[in-house]
Amino acid sequence: MNKKIKIIELLLKIAHGEYPKRFKYNNKIYEYKRTINGTGYVTENDDWFNSDIYIDDWDNLNEYVEILEDNTEEIEEKSNFEDMGYEIAQAYFEFYKGIAKALTEKRKESEDKQ
């Protein structure tokens, strides 16, 4: 069964690292996604949740969202493509240094023989 919580409660969950996968607010379904524009809750039409709740007054923080999945997931720090790209680049750099060292040693051996 879906659970209804206030927006302020949702923001507190997020602040503590608990990210509901999907919820409904203002007849829109938001899903937690990593996109090229950032990470957050987005609809199918690329409407971001933060643009729907930030208005001049803060009364909407007491409005309800409907959590469509009870299970929340904690997002790992190194799980997006940017971080994986960094890890791959580091591994490649170490590999490159190893190859460069081996080639330098091979050149020195051939120079010593001459």
PDB file of N, CA and C in Angstrom:
ATOM      1  N   MET A   1       0.838  -1.188   0.000  1.00  0.00           N
ATOM      2  CA  MET A   1       0.000   0.000   0.000  1.00  0.00           C
ATOM      3  C   MET A   1       0.884   1.252   0.000  1.00  0.00           C
ATOM      4  N   ASN A   2       0.481   2.216  -0.791  1.00  0.00           N
ATOM      5  CA  ASN A   2       1.250   3.454  -0.885  1.00  0.00           C
ATOM      6  C   ASN A   2       1.074   4.283   0.382  1.00  0.00           C
ATOM      7  N   LYS A   3       2.099   5.022   0.720  1.00  0.00           N
ATOM      8  CA  LYS A   3       2.122   5.812   1.947  1.00  0.00           C
ATOM      9  C   LYS A   3       2.166   7.291   1.591  1.00  0.00           C
ATOM     10  N   LYS A   4       1.385   8.108   2.309  1.00  0.00           N
ATOM     11  CA  LYS A   4       1.409   9.555   2.089  1.00  0.00           C
ATOM     12  C   LYS A   4       2.209  10.211   3.205  1.00  0.00           C
ATOM     13  N   ILE A   5       3.118  11.091   2.791  1.00  0.00           N
ATOM     14  CA  ILE A   5       3.904  11.857   3.762  1.00  0.00           C
ATOM     15  C   ILE A   5       3.954  13.303   3.285  1.00  0.00           C
ATOM     16  N   LYS A   6       4.242  14.199   4.201  1.00  0.00           N
ATOM     17  CA  LYS A   6       4.364  15.608   3.840  1.00  0.00           C
ATOM     18  C   LYS A   6       5.675  15.840   3.096  1.00  0.00           C
ATOM     19  N   ILE A   7       5.692  16.885   2.293  1.00  0.00           N
ATOM     20  CA  ILE A   7       6.906  17.229   1.540  1.00  0.00           C
ATOM     21  C   ILE A   7       8.073  17.453   2.492  1.00  0.00           C
ATOM     22  N   ILE A   8       7.824  18.093   3.620  1.00  0.00           N
ATOM     23  CA  ILE A   8       8.900  18.337   4.585  1.00  0.00           C
ATOM     24  C   ILE A   8       9.475  17.015   5.094  1.00  0.00           C
ATOM     25  N   GLU A   9       8.626  16.000   5.259  1.00  0.00           N
ATOM     26  CA  GLU A   9       9.106  14.685   5.686  1.00  0.00           C
ATOM     27  C   GLU A   9       9.936  14.029   4.580  1.00  0.00           C
ATOM     28  N   LEU A  10       9.500  14.211   3.342  1.00  0.00           N
ATOM     29  CA  LEU A  10      10.266  13.682   2.212  1.00  0.00           C
ATOM     30  C   LEU A  10      11.650  14.325   2.168  1.00  0.00           C
ATOM     31  N   LEU A  11      11.703  15.633   2.357  1.00  0.00           N
ATOM     32  CA  LEU A  11      12.990  16.327   2.324  1.00  0.00           C
ATOM     33  C   LEU A  11      13.895  15.874   3.469  1.00  0.00           C
ATOM     34  N   LEU A  12      13.306  15.585   4.624  1.00  0.00           N
ATOM     35  CA  LEU A  12      14.101  15.066   5.744  1.00  0.00           C
ATOM     36  C   LEU A  12      14.657  13.678   5.425  1.00  0.00           C
ATOM     37  N   LYS A  13      13.837  12.824   4.803  1.00  0.00           N
ATOM     38  CA  LYS A  13      14.323  11.496   4.391  1.00  0.00           C
ATOM     39  C   LYS A  13      15.525  11.641   3.455  1.00  0.00           C
ATOM     40  N   ILE A  14      15.368  12.513   2.468  1.00  0.00           N
ATOM     41  CA  ILE A  14      16.438  12.720   1.488  1.00  0.00           C
ATOM     42  C   ILE A  14      17.691  13.242   2.176  1.00  0.00           C
ATOM     43  N   ALA A  15      17.506  14.155   3.133  1.00  0.00           N
ATOM     44  CA  ALA A  15      18.654  14.708   3.864  1.00  0.00           C
ATOM     45  C   ALA A  15      19.397  13.636   4.641  1.00  0.00           C
ATOM     46  N   HIS A  16      18.685  12.572   5.037  1.00  0.00           N
ATOM     47  CA  HIS A  16      19.305  11.466   5.777  1.00  0.00           C
ATOM     48  C   HIS A  16      19.733  10.323   4.856  1.00  0.00           C
ATOM     49  N   GLY A  17      19.730  10.552   3.543  1.00  0.00           N
ATOM     50  CA  GLY A  17      20.224   9.555   2.599  1.00  0.00           C
ATOM     51  C   GLY A  17      19.220   8.493   2.207  1.00  0.00           C
ATOM     52  N   GLU A  18      17.936   8.684   2.510  1.00  0.00           N
ATOM     53  CA  GLU A  18      16.892   7.734   2.117  1.00  0.00           C
ATOM     54  C   GLU A  18      16.151   8.320   0.922  1.00  0.00           C
ATOM     55  N   TYR A  19      16.240   7.633  -0.217  1.00  0.00           N
ATOM     56  CA  TYR A  19      15.653   8.141  -1.457  1.00  0.00           C
ATOM     57  C   TYR A  19      14.538   7.205  -1.919  1.00  0.00           C
ATOM     58  N   PRO A  20      13.265   7.585  -1.685  1.00  0.00           N
ATOM     59  CA  PRO A  20      12.193   6.772  -2.267  1.00  0.00           C
ATOM     60  C   PRO A  20      12.365   6.734  -3.779  1.00  0.00           C
ATOM     61  N   LYS A  21      12.111   5.597  -4.390  1.00  0.00           N
ATOM     62  CA  LYS A  21      12.337   5.485  -5.831  1.00  0.00           C
ATOM     63  C   LYS A  21      11.351   6.326  -6.634  1.00  0.00           C
ATOM     64  N   ARG A  22      10.067   6.297  -6.221  1.00  0.00           N
ATOM     65  CA  ARG A  22       9.047   7.039  -6.966  1.00  0.00           C
ATOM     66  C   ARG A  22       8.009   7.605  -6.009  1.00  0.00           C
ATOM     67  N   PHE A  23       7.455   8.762  -6.368  1.00  0.00           N
ATOM     68  CA  PHE A  23       6.332   9.311  -5.617  1.00  0.00           C
ATOM     69  C   PHE A  23       5.472  10.170  -6.531  1.00  0.00           C
ATOM     70  N   LYS A  24       4.277  10.468  -6.053  1.00  0.00           N
ATOM     71  CA  LYS A  24       3.325  11.250  -6.833  1.00  0.00           C
ATOM     72  C   LYS A  24       3.036  12.558  -6.108  1.00  0.00           C
ATOM     73  N   TYR A  25       3.063  13.660  -6.851  1.00  0.00           N
ATOM     74  CA  TYR A  25       2.762  14.989  -6.309  1.00  0.00           C
ATOM     75  C   TYR A  25       2.136  15.818  -7.420  1.00  0.00           C
ATOM     76  N   ASN A  26       1.031  16.484  -7.125  1.00  0.00           N
ATOM     77  CA  ASN A  26       0.316  17.299  -8.118  1.00  0.00           C
ATOM     78  C   ASN A  26       0.019  16.516  -9.398  1.00  0.00           C
ATOM     79  N   ASN A  27      -0.431  15.284  -9.248  1.00  0.00           N
ATOM     80  CA  ASN A  27      -0.790  14.401 -10.369  1.00  0.00           C
ATOM     81  C   ASN A  27       0.371  14.098 -11.308  1.00  0.00           C
ATOM     82  N   LYS A  28       1.586  14.260 -10.824  1.00  0.00           N
ATOM     83  CA  LYS A  28       2.782  13.898 -11.594  1.00  0.00           C
ATOM     84  C   LYS A  28       3.534  12.823 -10.828  1.00  0.00           C
ATOM     85  N   ILE A  29       4.104  11.885 -11.546  1.00  0.00           N
ATOM     86  CA  ILE A  29       4.913  10.835 -10.928  1.00  0.00           C
ATOM     87  C   ILE A  29       6.379  11.181 -11.133  1.00  0.00           C
ATOM     88  N   TYR A  30       7.092  11.255 -10.020  1.00  0.00           N
ATOM     89  CA  TYR A  30       8.516  11.581 -10.032  1.00  0.00           C
ATOM     90  C   TYR A  30       9.312  10.328  -9.712  1.00  0.00           C
ATOM     91  N   GLU A  31      10.422  10.162 -10.422  1.00  0.00           N
ATOM     92  CA  GLU A  31      11.300   9.022 -10.209  1.00  0.00           C
ATOM     93  C   GLU A  31      12.712   9.531  -9.959  1.00  0.00           C
ATOM     94  N   TYR A  32      13.410   8.884  -9.021  1.00  0.00           N
ATOM     95  CA  TYR A  32      14.781   9.279  -8.718  1.00  0.00           C
ATOM     96  C   TYR A  32      15.689   8.800  -9.835  1.00  0.00           C
ATOM     97  N   LYS A  33      16.374   9.747 -10.487  1.00  0.00           N
ATOM     98  CA  LYS A  33      17.217   9.402 -11.636  1.00  0.00           C
ATOM     99  C   LYS A  33      18.511  10.194 -11.613  1.00  0.00           C
ATOM    100  N   ARG A  34      19.503   9.624 -12.252  1.00  0.00           N
ATOM    101  CA  ARG A  34      20.743  10.329 -12.541  1.00  0.00           C
ATOM    102  C   ARG A  34      20.675  10.677 -14.025  1.00  0.00           C
ATOM    103  N   THR A  35      20.759  11.969 -14.335  1.00  0.00           N
ATOM    104  CA  THR A  35      20.695  12.409 -15.721  1.00  0.00           C
ATOM    105  C   THR A  35      21.922  13.261 -16.023  1.00  0.00           C
ATOM    106  N   ILE A  36      22.034  13.671 -17.259  1.00  0.00           N
ATOM    107  CA  ILE A  36      23.171  14.526 -17.613  1.00  0.00           C
ATOM    108  C   ILE A  36      23.043  15.895 -16.961  1.00  0.00           C
ATOM    109  N   ASN A  37      21.826  16.254 -16.524  1.00  0.00           N
ATOM    110  CA  ASN A  37      21.602  17.550 -15.875  1.00  0.00           C
ATOM    111  C   ASN A  37      21.747  17.471 -14.361  1.00  0.00           C
ATOM    112  N   GLY A  38      21.994  16.302 -13.830  1.00  0.00           N
ATOM    113  CA  GLY A  38      22.129  16.162 -12.388  1.00  0.00           C
ATOM    114  C   GLY A  38      21.372  14.954 -11.874  1.00  0.00           C
ATOM    115  N   THR A  39      21.240  14.892 -10.571  1.00  0.00           N
ATOM    116  CA  THR A  39      20.558  13.788  -9.923  1.00  0.00           C
ATOM    117  C   THR A  39      19.372  14.345  -9.156  1.00  0.00           C
ATOM    118  N   GLY A  40      18.238  13.673  -9.261  1.00  0.00           N
ATOM    119  CA  GLY A  40      17.069  14.123  -8.525  1.00  0.00           C
ATOM    120  C   GLY A  40      15.814  13.454  -9.011  1.00  0.00           C
ATOM    121  N   TYR A  41      14.692  14.017  -8.614  1.00  0.00           N
ATOM    122  CA  TYR A  41      13.385  13.472  -8.971  1.00  0.00           C
ATOM    123  C   TYR A  41      12.866  14.166 -10.220  1.00  0.00           C
ATOM    124  N   VAL A  42      12.556  13.345 -11.239  1.00  0.00           N
ATOM    125  CA  VAL A  42      12.180  13.863 -12.551  1.00  0.00           C
ATOM    126  C   VAL A  42      10.961  13.102 -13.057  1.00  0.00           C
ATOM    127  N   THR A  43      10.072  13.811 -13.795  1.00  0.00           N
ATOM    128  CA  THR A  43       8.941  13.152 -14.443  1.00  0.00           C
ATOM    129  C   THR A  43       9.376  12.646 -15.812  1.00  0.00           C
ATOM    130  N   GLU A  44       8.465  11.958 -16.495  1.00  0.00           N
ATOM    131  CA  GLU A  44       8.766  11.497 -17.857  1.00  0.00           C
ATOM    132  C   GLU A  44       9.021  12.672 -18.795  1.00  0.00           C
ATOM    133  N   ASN A  45       8.425  13.828 -18.497  1.00  0.00           N
ATOM    134  CA  ASN A  45       8.582  15.015 -19.343  1.00  0.00           C
ATOM    135  C   ASN A  45       9.751  15.880 -18.906  1.00  0.00           C
ATOM    136  N   ASP A  46      10.634  15.331 -18.086  1.00  0.00           N
ATOM    137  CA  ASP A  46      11.807  16.046 -17.565  1.00  0.00           C
ATOM    138  C   ASP A  46      11.459  17.247 -16.691  1.00  0.00           C
ATOM    139  N   ASP A  47      10.311  17.176 -16.011  1.00  0.00           N
ATOM    140  CA  ASP A  47       9.980  18.191 -15.011  1.00  0.00           C
ATOM    141  C   ASP A  47      10.663  17.788 -13.711  1.00  0.00           C
ATOM    142  N   TRP A  48      11.427  18.692 -13.143  1.00  0.00           N
ATOM    143  CA  TRP A  48      12.148  18.411 -11.909  1.00  0.00           C
ATOM    144  C   TRP A  48      11.263  18.743 -10.717  1.00  0.00           C
ATOM    145  N   PHE A  49      11.331  17.939  -9.676  1.00  0.00           N
ATOM    146  CA  PHE A  49      10.514  18.131  -8.490  1.00  0.00           C
ATOM    147  C   PHE A  49      10.781  19.474  -7.828  1.00  0.00           C
ATOM    148  N   ASN A  50      12.045  19.883  -7.743  1.00  0.00           N
ATOM    149  CA  ASN A  50      12.362  21.135  -7.057  1.00  0.00           C
ATOM    150  C   ASN A  50      11.704  22.334  -7.728  1.00  0.00           C
ATOM    151  N   SER A  51      11.506  22.299  -9.040  1.00  0.00           N
ATOM    152  CA  SER A  51      10.862  23.431  -9.707  1.00  0.00           C
ATOM    153  C   SER A  51       9.370  23.469  -9.411  1.00  0.00           C
ATOM    154  N   ASP A  52       8.791  22.344  -9.010  1.00  0.00           N
ATOM    155  CA  ASP A  52       7.368  22.314  -8.679  1.00  0.00           C
ATOM    156  C   ASP A  52       7.087  22.735  -7.242  1.00  0.00           C
ATOM    157  N   ILE A  53       8.065  22.619  -6.330  1.00  0.00           N
ATOM    158  CA  ILE A  53       7.768  22.958  -4.939  1.00  0.00           C
ATOM    159  C   ILE A  53       8.301  24.307  -4.497  1.00  0.00           C
ATOM    160  N   TYR A  54       9.298  24.853  -5.176  1.00  0.00           N
ATOM    161  CA  TYR A  54       9.852  26.119  -4.722  1.00  0.00           C
ATOM    162  C   TYR A  54       9.028  27.283  -5.261  1.00  0.00           C
ATOM    163  N   ILE A  55       8.238  27.850  -4.377  1.00  0.00           N
ATOM    164  CA  ILE A  55       7.424  29.013  -4.724  1.00  0.00           C
ATOM    165  C   ILE A  55       7.692  30.090  -3.686  1.00  0.00           C
ATOM    166  N   ASP A  56       6.999  31.223  -3.782  1.00  0.00           N
ATOM    167  CA  ASP A  56       7.268  32.350  -2.887  1.00  0.00           C
ATOM    168  C   ASP A  56       7.003  32.046  -1.417  1.00  0.00           C
ATOM    169  N   ASP A  57       5.943  31.298  -1.131  1.00  0.00           N
ATOM    170  CA  ASP A  57       5.707  30.954   0.278  1.00  0.00           C
ATOM    171  C   ASP A  57       6.026  29.478   0.499  1.00  0.00           C
ATOM    172  N   TRP A  58       6.108  29.088   1.743  1.00  0.00           N
ATOM    173  CA  TRP A  58       6.552  27.735   2.078  1.00  0.00           C
ATOM    174  C   TRP A  58       5.400  26.860   2.548  1.00  0.00           C
ATOM    175  N   ASP A  59       4.166  27.275   2.294  1.00  0.00           N
ATOM    176  CA  ASP A  59       3.006  26.494   2.725  1.00  0.00           C
ATOM    177  C   ASP A  59       2.972  25.109   2.098  1.00  0.00           C
ATOM    178  N   ASN A  60       3.543  24.983   0.909  1.00  0.00           N
ATOM    179  CA  ASN A  60       3.498  23.680   0.232  1.00  0.00           C
ATOM    180  C   ASN A  60       4.333  22.612   0.941  1.00  0.00           C
ATOM    181  N   LEU A  61       5.178  22.969   1.874  1.00  0.00           N
ATOM    182  CA  LEU A  61       5.961  21.968   2.600  1.00  0.00           C
ATOM    183  C   LEU A  61       5.067  21.064   3.445  1.00  0.00           C
ATOM    184  N   ASN A  62       3.842  21.513   3.724  1.00  0.00           N
ATOM    185  CA  ASN A  62       2.890  20.700   4.476  1.00  0.00           C
ATOM    186  C   ASN A  62       1.945  19.924   3.569  1.00  0.00           C
ATOM    187  N   GLU A  63       2.113  20.062   2.253  1.00  0.00           N
ATOM    188  CA  GLU A  63       1.317  19.271   1.317  1.00  0.00           C
ATOM    189  C   GLU A  63       1.858  17.845   1.296  1.00  0.00           C
ATOM    190  N   TYR A  64       1.034  16.929   0.802  1.00  0.00           N
ATOM    191  CA  TYR A  64       1.395  15.514   0.833  1.00  0.00           C
ATOM    192  C   TYR A  64       1.886  15.021  -0.516  1.00  0.00           C
ATOM    193  N   VAL A  65       2.825  14.105  -0.453  1.00  0.00           N
ATOM    194  CA  VAL A  65       3.242  13.325  -1.614  1.00  0.00           C
ATOM    195  C   VAL A  65       2.870  11.885  -1.311  1.00  0.00           C
ATOM    196  N   GLU A  66       2.639  11.128  -2.351  1.00  0.00           N
ATOM    197  CA  GLU A  66       2.305   9.717  -2.187  1.00  0.00           C
ATOM    198  C   GLU A  66       3.506   8.885  -2.622  1.00  0.00           C
ATOM    199  N   ILE A  67       4.107   8.196  -1.668  1.00  0.00           N
ATOM    200  CA  ILE A  67       5.248   7.329  -1.978  1.00  0.00           C
ATOM    201  C   ILE A  67       4.706   6.101  -2.698  1.00  0.00           C
ATOM    202  N   LEU A  68       5.164   5.867  -3.911  1.00  0.00           N
ATOM    203  CA  LEU A  68       4.644   4.761  -4.718  1.00  0.00           C
ATOM    204  C   LEU A  68       5.358   3.455  -4.434  1.00  0.00           C
ATOM    205  N   GLU A  69       6.497   3.531  -3.782  1.00  0.00           N
ATOM    206  CA  GLU A  69       7.220   2.335  -3.361  1.00  0.00           C
ATOM    207  C   GLU A  69       7.716   2.584  -1.960  1.00  0.00           C
ATOM    208  N   ASP A  70       7.401   1.677  -1.060  1.00  0.00           N
ATOM    209  CA  ASP A  70       7.824   1.850   0.325  1.00  0.00           C
ATOM    210  C   ASP A  70       9.319   1.694   0.497  1.00  0.00           C
ATOM    211  N   ASN A  71       9.913   0.818  -0.301  1.00  0.00           N
ATOM    212  CA  ASN A  71      11.340   0.579  -0.109  1.00  0.00           C
ATOM    213  C   ASN A  71      12.137   1.783  -0.589  1.00  0.00           C
ATOM    214  N   THR A  72      13.064   2.196   0.219  1.00  0.00           N
ATOM    215  CA  THR A  72      13.950   3.295  -0.138  1.00  0.00           C
ATOM    216  C   THR A  72      15.325   2.703  -0.356  1.00  0.00           C
ATOM    217  N   GLU A  73      16.119   3.403  -1.090  1.00  0.00           N
ATOM    218  CA  GLU A  73      17.474   2.910  -1.321  1.00  0.00           C
ATOM    219  C   GLU A  73      18.465   3.979  -0.921  1.00  0.00           C
ATOM    220  N   GLU A  74      19.558   3.542  -0.379  1.00  0.00           N
ATOM    221  CA  GLU A  74      20.630   4.477  -0.077  1.00  0.00           C
ATOM    222  C   GLU A  74      21.533   4.524  -1.287  1.00  0.00           C
ATOM    223  N   ILE A  75      21.825   5.703  -1.728  1.00  0.00           N
ATOM    224  CA  ILE A  75      22.631   5.890  -2.930  1.00  0.00           C
ATOM    225  C   ILE A  75      24.101   5.809  -2.556  1.00  0.00           C
ATOM    226  N   GLU A  76      24.827   4.924  -3.247  1.00  0.00           N
ATOM    227  CA  GLU A  76      26.250   4.789  -2.981  1.00  0.00           C
ATOM    228  C   GLU A  76      26.982   5.993  -3.545  1.00  0.00           C
ATOM    229  N   GLU A  77      28.034   6.365  -2.861  1.00  0.00           N
ATOM    230  CA  GLU A  77      28.777   7.552  -3.248  1.00  0.00           C
ATOM    231  C   GLU A  77      29.398   7.416  -4.633  1.00  0.00           C
ATOM    232  N   LYS A  78      29.921   6.253  -4.965  1.00  0.00           N
ATOM    233  CA  LYS A  78      30.635   6.066  -6.228  1.00  0.00           C
ATOM    234  C   LYS A  78      29.796   5.252  -7.204  1.00  0.00           C
ATOM    235  N   SER A  79      28.564   5.682  -7.483  1.00  0.00           N
ATOM    236  CA  SER A  79      27.740   4.869  -8.363  1.00  0.00           C
ATOM    237  C   SER A  79      27.328   5.575  -9.650  1.00  0.00           C
ATOM    238  N   ASN A  80      27.687   6.817  -9.851  1.00  0.00           N
ATOM    239  CA  ASN A  80      27.288   7.438 -11.109  1.00  0.00           C
ATOM    240  C   ASN A  80      28.423   7.369 -12.126  1.00  0.00           C
ATOM    241  N   PHE A  81      28.093   7.675 -13.362  1.00  0.00           N
ATOM    242  CA  PHE A  81      29.049   7.521 -14.445  1.00  0.00           C
ATOM    243  C   PHE A  81      30.253   8.438 -14.288  1.00  0.00           C
ATOM    244  N   GLU A  82      30.049   9.608 -13.719  1.00  0.00           N
ATOM    245  CA  GLU A  82      31.161  10.531 -13.533  1.00  0.00           C
ATOM    246  C   GLU A  82      32.221   9.919 -12.629  1.00  0.00           C
ATOM    247  N   ASP A  83      31.774   9.334 -11.505  1.00  0.00           N
ATOM    248  CA  ASP A  83      32.719   8.710 -10.586  1.00  0.00           C
ATOM    249  C   ASP A  83      33.366   7.482 -11.215  1.00  0.00           C
ATOM    250  N   MET A  84      32.575   6.684 -11.948  1.00  0.00           N
ATOM    251  CA  MET A  84      33.150   5.505 -12.601  1.00  0.00           C
ATOM    252  C   MET A  84      34.163   5.930 -13.644  1.00  0.00           C
ATOM    253  N   GLY A  85      33.881   7.024 -14.353  1.00  0.00           N
ATOM    254  CA  GLY A  85      34.828   7.534 -15.341  1.00  0.00           C
ATOM    255  C   GLY A  85      36.136   7.926 -14.683  1.00  0.00           C
ATOM    256  N   TYR A  86      36.045   8.533 -13.508  1.00  0.00           N
ATOM    257  CA  TYR A  86      37.243   8.919 -12.764  1.00  0.00           C
ATOM    258  C   TYR A  86      38.039   7.682 -12.373  1.00  0.00           C
ATOM    259  N   GLU A  87      37.361   6.648 -11.878  1.00  0.00           N
ATOM    260  CA  GLU A  87      38.042   5.413 -11.485  1.00  0.00           C
ATOM    261  C   GLU A  87      38.696   4.746 -12.695  1.00  0.00           C
ATOM    262  N   ILE A  88      38.013   4.737 -13.817  1.00  0.00           N
ATOM    263  CA  ILE A  88      38.573   4.145 -15.036  1.00  0.00           C
ATOM    264  C   ILE A  88      39.792   4.943 -15.488  1.00  0.00           C
ATOM    265  N   ALA A  89      39.698   6.263 -15.419  1.00  0.00           N
ATOM    266  CA  ALA A  89      40.832   7.112 -15.811  1.00  0.00           C
ATOM    267  C   ALA A  89      42.034   6.851 -14.912  1.00  0.00           C
ATOM    268  N   GLN A  90      41.795   6.680 -13.606  1.00  0.00           N
ATOM    269  CA  GLN A  90      42.906   6.377 -12.702  1.00  0.00           C
ATOM    270  C   GLN A  90      43.541   5.043 -13.047  1.00  0.00           C
ATOM    271  N   ALA A  91      42.726   4.026 -13.313  1.00  0.00           N
ATOM    272  CA  ALA A  91      43.253   2.712 -13.668  1.00  0.00           C
ATOM    273  C   ALA A  91      44.054   2.791 -14.969  1.00  0.00           C
ATOM    274  N   TYR A  92      43.524   3.532 -15.946  1.00  0.00           N
ATOM    275  CA  TYR A  92      44.224   3.687 -17.218  1.00  0.00           C
ATOM    276  C   TYR A  92      45.564   4.381 -17.008  1.00  0.00           C
ATOM    277  N   PHE A  93      45.586   5.410 -16.182  1.00  0.00           N
ATOM    278  CA  PHE A  93      46.818   6.146 -15.922  1.00  0.00           C
ATOM    279  C   PHE A  93      47.865   5.233 -15.292  1.00  0.00           C
ATOM    280  N   GLU A  94      47.454   4.409 -14.328  1.00  0.00           N
ATOM    281  CA  GLU A  94      48.392   3.468 -13.702  1.00  0.00           C
ATOM    282  C   GLU A  94      48.909   2.459 -14.731  1.00  0.00           C
ATOM    283  N   PHE A  95      48.025   1.980 -15.597  1.00  0.00           N
ATOM    284  CA  PHE A  95      48.413   1.056 -16.653  1.00  0.00           C
ATOM    285  C   PHE A  95      49.420   1.729 -17.588  1.00  0.00           C
ATOM    286  N   TYR A  96      49.123   2.978 -17.971  1.00  0.00           N
ATOM    287  CA  TYR A  96      50.004   3.737 -18.857  1.00  0.00           C
ATOM    288  C   TYR A  96      51.376   3.930 -18.219  1.00  0.00           C
ATOM    289  N   LYS A  97      51.418   4.254 -16.933  1.00  0.00           N
ATOM    290  CA  LYS A  97      52.713   4.436 -16.248  1.00  0.00           C
ATOM    291  C   LYS A  97      53.512   3.137 -16.268  1.00  0.00           C
ATOM    292  N   GLY A  98      52.825   2.010 -16.075  1.00  0.00           N
ATOM    293  CA  GLY A  98      53.510   0.716 -16.101  1.00  0.00           C
ATOM    294  C   GLY A  98      54.110   0.420 -17.469  1.00  0.00           C
ATOM    295  N   ILE A  99      53.345   0.685 -18.518  1.00  0.00           N
ATOM    296  CA  ILE A  99      53.828   0.467 -19.886  1.00  0.00           C
ATOM    297  C   ILE A  99      55.007   1.398 -20.183  1.00  0.00           C
ATOM    298  N   ALA A 100      54.878   2.671 -19.790  1.00  0.00           N
ATOM    299  CA  ALA A 100      55.953   3.643 -20.039  1.00  0.00           C
ATOM    300  C   ALA A 100      57.222   3.219 -19.314  1.00  0.00           C
ATOM    301  N   LYS A 101      57.091   2.728 -18.098  1.00  0.00           N
ATOM    302  CA  LYS A 101      58.262   2.278 -17.335  1.00  0.00           C
ATOM    303  C   LYS A 101      58.918   1.082 -18.016  1.00  0.00           C
ATOM    304  N   ALA A 102      58.092   0.131 -18.467  1.00  0.00           N
ATOM    305  CA  ALA A 102      58.630  -1.058 -19.143  1.00  0.00           C
ATOM    306  C   ALA A 102      59.350  -0.668 -20.431  1.00  0.00           C
ATOM    307  N   LEU A 103      58.780   0.246 -21.203  1.00  0.00           N
ATOM    308  CA  LEU A 103      59.416   0.684 -22.446  1.00  0.00           C
ATOM    309  C   LEU A 103      60.727   1.420 -22.171  1.00  0.00           C
ATOM    310  N   THR A 104      60.754   2.237 -21.134  1.00  0.00           N
ATOM    311  CA  THR A 104      61.973   2.962 -20.768  1.00  0.00           C
ATOM    312  C   THR A 104      63.069   1.980 -20.384  1.00  0.00           C
ATOM    313  N   GLU A 105      62.733   0.966 -19.601  1.00  0.00           N
ATOM    314  CA  GLU A 105      63.713  -0.049 -19.202  1.00  0.00           C
ATOM    315  C   GLU A 105      64.204  -0.827 -20.413  1.00  0.00           C
ATOM    316  N   LYS A 106      63.304  -1.135 -21.332  1.00  0.00           N
ATOM    317  CA  LYS A 106      63.688  -1.888 -22.541  1.00  0.00           C
ATOM    318  C   LYS A 106      64.657  -1.045 -23.388  1.00  0.00           C
ATOM    319  N   ARG A 107      64.373   0.252 -23.524  1.00  0.00           N
ATOM    320  CA  ARG A 107      65.269   1.142 -24.286  1.00  0.00           C
ATOM    321  C   ARG A 107      66.651   1.207 -23.635  1.00  0.00           C
ATOM    322  N   LYS A 108      66.679   1.299 -22.292  1.00  0.00           N
ATOM    323  CA  LYS A 108      67.961   1.369 -21.589  1.00  0.00           C
ATOM    324  C   LYS A 108      68.761   0.081 -21.823  1.00  0.00           C
ATOM    325  N   GLU A 109      68.070  -1.064 -21.787  1.00  0.00           N
ATOM    326  CA  GLU A 109      68.761  -2.343 -22.034  1.00  0.00           C
ATOM    327  C   GLU A 109      69.350  -2.383 -23.438  1.00  0.00           C
ATOM    328  N   SER A 110      68.584  -1.917 -24.420  1.00  0.00           N
ATOM    329  CA  SER A 110      69.093  -1.952 -25.799  1.00  0.00           C
ATOM    330  C   SER A 110      70.229  -0.943 -25.993  1.00  0.00           C
ATOM    331  N   GLU A 111      70.178   0.186 -25.305  1.00  0.00           N
ATOM    332  CA  GLU A 111      71.259   1.177 -25.388  1.00  0.00           C
ATOM    333  C   GLU A 111      72.521   0.641 -24.723  1.00  0.00           C
ATOM    334  N   ASP A 112      72.342  -0.073 -23.608  1.00  0.00           N
ATOM    335  CA  ASP A 112      73.489  -0.643 -22.886  1.00  0.00           C
ATOM    336  C   ASP A 112      74.186  -1.709 -23.735  1.00  0.00           C
ATOM    337  N   LYS A 113      73.443  -2.419 -24.565  1.00  0.00           N
ATOM    338  CA  LYS A 113      74.006  -3.471 -25.397  1.00  0.00           C
ATOM    339  C   LYS A 113      74.800  -2.892 -26.551  1.00  0.00           C
ATOM    340  N   GLN A 114      74.505  -1.683 -26.935  1.00  0.00           N
ATOM    341  CA  GLN A 114      75.196  -1.088 -28.083  1.00  0.00           C
ATOM    342  C   GLN A 114      76.462  -0.483 -27.689  1.00  0.00           C
TER     343      GLN A 114
END
